[in-house]
Amino acid sequence: LKRWHFINNIGDVLKGTREMSGVSIEEVSKDLNIPVISLKQIEEGNIGAFKDIFELKKYIMEYAKYLGLDSEKLLDELFTKEEINKFIVSFHKTYKELLLKE
């Protein structure tokens, strides 16, 4: 699945902040009750791993707050309406392709 510029930037910010804070991804997972794999997907920019954009946004907000970042500002800057629309179109195309393969 495609990796979008906006999620890579968010992932880079979150991963960099986490690493600079000396917090392991396992520790974040335990404290936030978010699966390690989901946190890794966010850090790597793999949007296809999420059921919908709302779940993705929720995880990003929780993760950012946990790291002491301004989650609203982060999302406002990196989740533009245009990029959200691209995500939705990409998600639906990918979903249709998966259905056609079955």
Protein backbone atom coordinates (compact mmCIF):
# COMPACT_ATOMS: atom_id res chain seq x y z
CA LEU A 1 0.00 0.00 0.00
CA LYS A 2 1.08 3.54 -0.62
CA ARG A 3 2.92 5.53 1.98
CA TRP A 4 1.72 9.12 2.14
CA HIS A 5 3.94 12.11 2.84
CA PHE A 6 1.81 13.33 5.75
CA ILE A 7 1.92 10.06 7.68
CA ASN A 8 5.65 9.70 7.10
CA ASN A 9 6.17 13.15 8.60
CA ILE A 10 4.00 12.36 11.60
CA GLY A 11 5.73 8.99 11.98
CA ASP A 12 9.14 10.62 11.78
CA VAL A 13 8.20 13.21 14.41
CA LEU A 14 6.75 10.60 16.77
CA LYS A 15 9.57 8.11 16.37
CA GLY A 16 12.25 10.79 16.71
CA THR A 17 10.63 12.23 19.83
CA ARG A 18 10.20 8.77 21.36
CA GLU A 19 13.80 7.81 20.68
CA MET A 20 15.14 11.13 22.02
CA SER A 21 13.05 10.58 25.17
CA GLY A 22 14.58 7.14 25.64
CA VAL A 23 11.20 5.42 25.62
CA SER A 24 10.86 2.02 23.96
CA ILE A 25 8.01 1.30 21.59
CA GLU A 26 7.00 -1.55 23.91
CA GLU A 27 6.70 0.88 26.81
CA VAL A 28 4.49 3.22 24.76
CA SER A 29 2.36 0.25 23.74
CA LYS A 30 1.89 -0.86 27.34
CA ASP A 31 1.13 2.62 28.67
CA LEU A 32 -1.34 3.54 25.91
CA ASN A 33 -2.78 0.07 25.32
CA ILE A 34 -2.03 0.39 21.60
CA PRO A 35 -0.52 -2.68 19.91
CA VAL A 36 3.20 -2.42 19.14
CA ILE A 37 2.47 -3.30 15.52
CA SER A 38 0.11 -0.31 15.21
CA LEU A 39 2.73 2.05 16.64
CA LYS A 40 5.31 0.66 14.24
CA GLN A 41 2.90 1.09 11.32
CA ILE A 42 2.41 4.75 12.27
CA GLU A 43 6.15 5.33 12.58
CA GLU A 44 6.76 3.65 9.22
CA GLY A 45 3.92 5.44 7.45
CA ASN A 46 1.94 2.31 6.62
CA ILE A 47 -1.61 3.65 6.47
CA GLY A 48 -2.98 0.43 4.99
CA ALA A 49 -2.68 -1.22 8.38
CA PHE A 50 -5.62 0.75 9.79
CA LYS A 51 -9.33 0.08 9.44
CA ASP A 52 -10.17 3.71 8.99
CA ILE A 53 -8.76 7.20 9.26
CA PHE A 54 -10.50 7.81 12.59
CA GLU A 55 -8.65 4.94 14.27
CA LEU A 56 -5.39 6.20 12.79
CA LYS A 57 -6.04 9.76 13.96
CA LYS A 58 -6.99 8.55 17.46
CA TYR A 59 -3.76 6.57 17.81
CA ILE A 60 -1.68 9.48 16.54
CA MET A 61 -3.34 11.89 18.98
CA GLU A 62 -2.81 9.55 21.94
CA TYR A 63 0.79 8.87 20.94
CA ALA A 64 1.59 12.57 20.46
CA LYS A 65 0.04 13.55 23.81
CA TYR A 66 1.97 10.76 25.53
CA LEU A 67 5.21 12.17 24.15
CA GLY A 68 4.31 15.69 25.27
CA LEU A 69 3.64 16.98 21.76
CA ASP A 70 0.77 19.27 20.79
CA SER A 71 -1.38 16.63 19.10
CA GLU A 72 -3.93 19.09 17.72
CA LYS A 73 -1.25 21.27 16.14
CA LEU A 74 0.57 18.23 14.77
CA LEU A 75 -2.57 16.87 13.14
CA ASP A 76 -3.71 20.28 11.91
CA GLU A 77 -0.37 20.86 10.21
CA LEU A 78 -0.01 17.40 8.74
CA PHE A 79 -3.55 16.22 8.07
CA THR A 80 -4.84 18.67 5.50
CA LYS A 81 -8.27 18.12 4.00
CA GLU A 82 -6.67 17.28 0.66
CA GLU A 83 -4.51 14.58 2.22
CA ILE A 84 -7.46 13.09 4.10
CA ASN A 85 -9.38 12.89 0.82
CA LYS A 86 -6.39 11.17 -0.81
CA PHE A 87 -6.35 8.67 2.06
CA ILE A 88 -10.04 7.92 1.64
CA VAL A 89 -9.73 7.47 -2.15
CA SER A 90 -6.64 5.29 -1.72
CA PHE A 91 -8.31 3.22 0.98
CA HIS A 92 -11.39 2.55 -1.16
CA LYS A 93 -9.28 1.68 -4.24
CA THR A 94 -7.17 -0.73 -2.20
CA TYR A 95 -10.27 -2.28 -0.64
CA LYS A 96 -11.86 -2.81 -4.06
CA GLU A 97 -8.63 -4.36 -5.39
CA LEU A 98 -8.55 -6.78 -2.47
CA LEU A 99 -12.16 -7.77 -3.06
CA LEU A 100 -11.50 -8.40 -6.75
CA LYS A 101 -8.57 -10.69 -5.90
CA GLU A 102 -10.73 -12.95 -3.72
